[in-house]
Amino acid sequence: MHDLIIRNAQILDGSGADPVAGDVAVSAGRITEVGRITAGLGPAGEEIDANGAVLSPGFIDTHAHDDGAFIRYPGMEFKLAQGVTSVVSGNCGFSAIPADPQQDSVAASGGILAGLSGEFTDLDGYFSTVMAAGPAINNMMLVGHNTVRTLVMGAAKGPPNQTQMAAMKDHVRRALEQGACGFSTGLIYRPGRYSATEEVIELACEAEAYDALYATHMRNEGNHLLRAVEESLHIAKSSNVHLHISHHKAAGPANWGKVRDSLALVDQAMADGQRVTLDVYPYTAGSGRMIEYFDLQKIDPVLASSIRIASCPACRAYEGRMVKDIASEQDKSAAEVVLEILTAPRGDRTLCIQFIIDEADVVTNLSHADMMVGSDGIPALNGKPHPRLFGTFPRILGRYVREQGVLSLPEAVRRMTSLSAETFGLAERGEIKPGYWADLVLFDPAVVVDMATYDEPKTPPAGIQLVVVNGKIALRDGEHSGVGAGQMLRYRGGS
């Protein structure tokens, strides 16, 4: 007897194979049968007619910053709405752990980790804190270099001494022992930018014993993109770990097109036997902590004019507005407005959106073999966040599959499910097959599309009909069920 049967679906199993008409049965949180199912339901079971809609594994967001959101927004509506059932958090070197409850765990990230609270110090404690809130989706964690370095060294710019390095390695090792899937860096951010390559290699070596990943927001994604790719490849090769390049892009008009060259470097490394994977978000704008992108002594006026304010504690009225428009209204230069914001009280926690990416590069990335998808969404819901927080996965299916044909539907689903699960060690997830966890999404491929815009970024997508997490219905026709069936996941292991 089954708890749930979804009938008359076009089943995309996540392998990349073409869809097959059939039914899927679920019991005790797992998929029990796939095909034509005749067995009945248990006393509390439910049967759903898909009416020919596509049923796929739940989407996996390979690049999330949801560490604090799991505590602050356990319903995770912005992820469920787009069919995401699992995320990989702790990216760009910023992670919930390790932590010191006596310190401000959010300060070093400048708002990227907003929402963190609790008395936890390590991954086990963080997982327990999150589970007490009844999370709606699953979470896999990386341990972040910036977080580790700040905890051990504060804001120091110099290299670690032997005692500090030993302490950092202990923190990384403990997180990996407790189930983190790898070690992440954000070498464009502080304090990561103060770290020499050798420091990163020594810490990344801790991942080797666990066959875990080195995931990186590289040191540069603009003028020195190729040098940064070479450094990333060198770090991973020297530490003998799998390299994952996060949100691959070429930032700034002068660098557009360079993604072809950086992908060629990756392809050559792979041909030489190195393990390398990448992800991308399907937008021409990035987002992050504004102070990291500017030298306050010499603010780049071109970059300043490309900035839109997402979240600004110093001046909430600026949220959702372009800096150049604010400047024009106040008869100032864009650079002057940026300086005013960043030097205001709490100005360093301003999050911005930068229009710096070429659409052709997005297509080049998505066309590259095995390119995965990560939203890179920052869940600062009080402001006007980047629309990728609500729209990434439906945007892939609507814009790049249905409208442009950059990817076939089976291949897009594979990139967002089984490939991601295999890469980041989400055991028994990412495929529709008996025995696997029942993380599922039902969607209409003729309708599905992102609806979130830069003006209205918190608009849910269209076409997502049903989301199931660990066998429980989490979202139906846009309505959140309130069932917190999410699990905290351990690398290649249980929950």
Foldseek 3Di string as FASTA:
>chain_A
DFQEKEAQEQELFLPLDGTDTGMWTHHQQFTADTGHDDDDHDPNHDYHYLNHFYKYFFFEFEEALCLQVLQVPLLLLLQVLLRHAEYEHCAAQQHLEQDQQVDDSCVQFLQLNPRDHDHHRADVRSQVSSVVVQHAHEYAYAHGNQSLCCVQPNQDLEDDDPVSLVSSLVRRLRRQVVFHQAYYHNCLGPPNVSDDLVSLLSSRLSCVVVLGEYEYNFNDQEPCNQVRLVSQLVSCVSSVHAYEYEARFYFAPVGAPCSVVSVVVVVVSVVVPHHYAYAHFQDQKDKGQVVSVADLVDGDLVQLQQKQWFDAPQDQVRFLHRLCVVCVVVVHGSSVSLNVQCPGVSSRSTMIMGRTGDNVVSLVQLLDPLHAYHLNWRPPPVGQTDLSSNFGLLACLAPVDPPPNSDDPSVNLSRRFVSSCVNSQVPLTRGRDRPRRRFMWTFHSVARGRPADSNRSSDHTPTTAWTAHSRHTQAGRSDGPPRSPYHYGGHNDGD
